[in-house]
Structures are given as structure tokens and as C-alpha cells.
């Protein structure tokens, strides 16, 4: 079966890699969805802020999604 696991936890990423399982972090999936025109930057920024307020760990503070994604080239083409 061809599938990609969406995982953010470090231990889960290591396990996926050790078993040769394709995986993708949530933020990468969301950025790809923006680039493909399925989601918008404001929508994902709001989602990211909601995740942060629920104690989810992301590499930026509330309100920082767009700048983080731009600085990391995640909104540009593949």
C-alpha cells in the first residue's frame, strides 16, 4: 500500500525512517497545500496559532507562521 504517514513527534519520525516508511511533518503538508492552491496562508496561520494555543509545539510563536514559512522557502514552488 502506498501511503505517507503524517507525524511530528521525533520518536515517530525515527521509527518511520528506520522502517523505511515515507513520512511528512504536518507543517510541510500544510505548506504544500498552500502551494497547490488548496489552502491559504491566512487559514494555515490561524490553524497554526490554534495548535500553539493548545500546547502543540511548532518552530515559531503565535502569529509567526507566514514569516517562518517564507524564511524557509516553504511557500515557493517545489
Protein backbone atom coordinates (compact mmCIF):
# COMPACT_ATOMS: atom_id res chain seq x y z
CA UNK A 1 0.00 0.00 0.00
CA UNK A 2 1.40 3.41 -0.97
CA UNK A 3 0.90 5.88 1.85
CA UNK A 4 2.70 8.63 3.71
CA UNK A 5 2.47 8.95 7.47
CA UNK A 6 1.91 12.47 8.80
CA UNK A 7 3.94 12.61 12.01
CA UNK A 8 5.52 15.37 14.06
CA UNK A 9 6.90 13.51 17.06
CA UNK A 10 10.67 12.94 16.94
CA UNK A 11 10.40 9.32 18.06
CA UNK A 12 7.75 8.62 15.41
CA UNK A 13 9.97 10.16 12.72
CA UNK A 14 12.91 7.99 13.78
CA UNK A 15 10.72 4.88 13.79
CA UNK A 16 9.32 5.70 10.34
CA UNK A 17 12.83 6.27 8.98
CA UNK A 18 14.14 3.04 10.50
CA UNK A 19 11.32 1.05 8.86
CA UNK A 20 11.63 2.89 5.52
CA UNK A 21 8.16 4.41 5.88
CA UNK A 22 7.51 7.63 3.99
CA UNK A 23 6.56 10.40 6.39
CA UNK A 24 5.80 14.09 6.28
CA UNK A 25 5.54 16.63 9.11
CA UNK A 26 2.23 18.46 9.43
CA UNK A 27 3.71 21.87 8.56
CA UNK A 28 5.24 20.57 5.33
CA UNK A 29 1.89 19.08 4.32
CA UNK A 30 0.13 22.38 5.07
CA UNK A 31 2.71 24.38 3.09
CA UNK A 32 2.38 22.01 0.12
CA UNK A 33 -1.39 22.53 0.33
CA UNK A 34 -0.89 26.30 0.16
CA UNK A 35 1.41 25.98 -2.87
CA UNK A 36 -1.14 23.70 -4.57
CA UNK A 37 -3.90 26.26 -4.00
CA UNK A 38 -5.89 24.05 -1.63
CA UNK A 39 -5.36 26.22 1.46
CA UNK A 40 -4.47 29.86 2.05
CA UNK A 41 -1.69 31.39 4.14
CA UNK A 42 -4.18 33.17 6.47
CA UNK A 43 -6.10 29.92 7.05
CA UNK A 44 -2.95 27.92 7.86
CA UNK A 45 -1.61 30.76 10.03
CA UNK A 46 -4.82 30.68 12.06
CA UNK A 47 -4.67 26.89 12.31
CA UNK A 48 -1.04 27.08 13.46
CA UNK A 49 -1.96 29.64 16.13
CA UNK A 50 -4.80 27.39 17.33
CA UNK A 51 -2.36 24.47 17.56
CA UNK A 52 0.12 26.60 19.52
CA UNK A 53 -2.58 27.71 21.96
CA UNK A 54 -3.41 24.03 22.55
CA UNK A 55 0.23 23.41 23.61
CA UNK A 56 1.29 21.93 20.23
CA UNK A 57 4.99 22.54 19.58
CA UNK A 58 5.88 24.42 16.39
CA UNK A 59 9.11 26.20 15.38
CA UNK A 60 7.59 29.67 15.76
CA UNK A 61 5.39 31.69 18.11
CA UNK A 62 1.75 32.67 17.55
CA UNK A 63 1.49 34.95 14.54
CA UNK A 64 4.80 33.69 13.15
CA UNK A 65 3.74 31.10 10.58
CA UNK A 66 3.96 33.25 7.45
CA UNK A 67 7.40 34.68 8.24
CA UNK A 68 8.72 31.23 9.23
CA UNK A 69 7.37 29.62 6.05
CA UNK A 70 8.79 32.40 3.85
CA UNK A 71 12.20 32.33 5.56
CA UNK A 72 12.37 28.56 5.00
CA UNK A 73 11.25 28.73 1.36
CA UNK A 74 8.20 26.56 2.06
CA UNK A 75 5.73 28.66 0.11
CA UNK A 76 7.82 28.69 -3.07
CA UNK A 77 7.45 26.09 -5.81
CA UNK A 78 8.92 22.60 -5.39
